[in-house]
Amino acid sequence: MSIVQDLENARKAASLTQEVLAQRAGVSRMTVSRIEAGMDPRLSTLQELARAMGMELMLVPRALRPEVEGFLRSGGRVLGQPAGAGAPRSLVDLLDKAP
């Protein structure tokens, strides 16, 4: 899946029209439409669209994407990490408690 497709899916899941997203991101509706239709966008435009939806772009090597996505879905726990009181704390727990 591409960044553009991920952003379009997120826009639709949030029930945002292209017009509303464009206004929030400070771009034209035509820009959003063209990007979703396949126009090659600037990275800065993608960043603004993502931020307008409360998201951040995260670029990772393609080979690591499945592992990174799995890690994020698991709430920061290593796959196969045991549950319960004796389990090591997750990265998310550690970051949540950081000053």
Protein backbone atom coordinates (compact mmCIF):
# COMPACT_ATOMS: atom_id res chain seq x y z
CA MET A 1 0.00 0.00 0.00
CA SER A 2 1.23 3.51 -0.73
CA ILE A 3 1.36 6.58 1.49
CA VAL A 4 -1.26 8.22 -0.72
CA GLN A 5 -3.59 5.22 -0.40
CA ASP A 6 -3.05 5.16 3.38
CA LEU A 7 -3.92 8.87 3.60
CA GLU A 8 -6.98 8.47 1.38
CA ASN A 9 -8.20 5.53 3.48
CA ALA A 10 -7.66 7.55 6.67
CA ARG A 11 -9.57 10.51 5.18
CA LYS A 12 -12.50 8.31 4.28
CA ALA A 13 -12.44 6.51 7.65
CA ALA A 14 -12.64 9.92 9.34
CA SER A 15 -15.58 10.84 7.06
CA LEU A 16 -13.72 13.87 5.75
CA THR A 17 -14.43 15.22 2.31
CA GLN A 18 -11.57 16.24 0.07
CA GLU A 19 -12.70 19.84 0.56
CA VAL A 20 -12.55 19.70 4.37
CA LEU A 21 -9.15 18.00 4.34
CA ALA A 22 -7.86 20.55 1.85
CA GLN A 23 -9.00 23.44 4.05
CA ARG A 24 -7.39 21.92 7.14
CA ALA A 25 -4.13 21.28 5.28
CA GLY A 26 -4.02 24.66 3.55
CA VAL A 27 -4.15 23.26 0.02
CA SER A 28 -6.80 23.30 -2.69
CA ARG A 29 -9.43 20.59 -3.06
CA MET A 30 -8.07 20.05 -6.56
CA THR A 31 -4.66 19.23 -5.05
CA VAL A 32 -6.19 16.55 -2.81
CA SER A 33 -8.19 15.20 -5.73
CA ARG A 34 -5.18 15.04 -8.03
CA ILE A 35 -3.02 13.35 -5.40
CA GLU A 36 -5.69 10.71 -4.73
CA ALA A 37 -6.05 10.22 -8.51
CA GLY A 38 -2.36 9.42 -8.86
CA MET A 39 -0.51 12.71 -9.30
CA ASP A 40 2.99 12.51 -7.85
CA PRO A 41 2.81 14.82 -4.80
CA ARG A 42 5.49 16.68 -2.94
CA LEU A 43 6.51 15.14 0.35
CA SER A 44 5.71 18.44 2.09
CA THR A 45 2.13 18.27 0.79
CA LEU A 46 1.74 14.72 2.06
CA GLN A 47 3.06 15.83 5.45
CA GLU A 48 0.49 18.64 5.63
CA LEU A 49 -2.35 16.30 4.66
CA ALA A 50 -1.26 13.81 7.31
CA ARG A 51 -0.93 16.48 10.00
CA ALA A 52 -4.38 17.84 9.12
CA MET A 53 -5.75 14.40 10.06
CA GLY A 54 -3.70 14.13 13.26
CA MET A 55 -1.18 11.75 11.70
CA GLU A 56 2.56 11.79 11.06
CA LEU A 57 4.33 10.19 8.15
CA MET A 58 6.75 7.47 9.10
CA LEU A 59 9.21 6.33 6.46
CA VAL A 60 10.75 2.92 7.06
CA PRO A 61 12.64 0.54 4.82
CA ARG A 62 10.17 -1.52 2.77
CA ALA A 63 11.58 -4.79 4.10
CA LEU A 64 10.88 -3.71 7.69
CA ARG A 65 7.35 -2.38 7.16
CA PRO A 66 5.52 -5.60 8.15
CA GLU A 67 7.53 -5.84 11.37
CA VAL A 68 7.05 -2.17 12.23
CA GLU A 69 3.31 -2.38 11.55
CA GLY A 70 3.03 -5.53 13.67
CA PHE A 71 4.96 -3.87 16.48
CA LEU A 72 2.71 -0.80 16.41
CA ARG A 73 -0.46 -2.92 16.31
CA SER A 74 0.78 -4.91 19.30
CA GLY A 75 1.00 -1.77 21.40
CA GLY A 76 4.78 -1.88 21.52
CA ARG A 77 5.08 -5.46 22.68
CA VAL A 78 7.44 -7.81 20.97
CA LEU A 79 5.51 -10.58 19.25
CA GLY A 80 5.45 -13.60 21.49
CA GLN A 81 6.06 -11.53 24.61
CA PRO A 82 4.30 -13.20 27.51
CA ALA A 83 1.44 -11.43 29.21
CA GLY A 84 1.12 -10.96 32.93
CA ALA A 85 3.00 -9.58 35.89
CA GLY A 86 6.27 -11.27 35.00
CA ALA A 87 6.34 -9.92 31.46
CA PRO A 88 8.82 -7.21 30.54
CA ARG A 89 7.28 -3.78 30.17
CA SER A 90 6.43 -2.77 26.64
CA LEU A 91 8.15 0.05 24.84
CA VAL A 92 4.85 1.91 24.83
CA ASP A 93 4.64 1.62 28.63
CA LEU A 94 8.18 2.90 28.99
CA LEU A 95 7.60 5.84 26.65
CA ASP A 96 4.32 6.66 28.34
CA LYS A 97 6.11 7.01 31.69
CA ALA A 98 9.05 9.00 30.28
CA PRO A 99 9.46 12.58 31.55
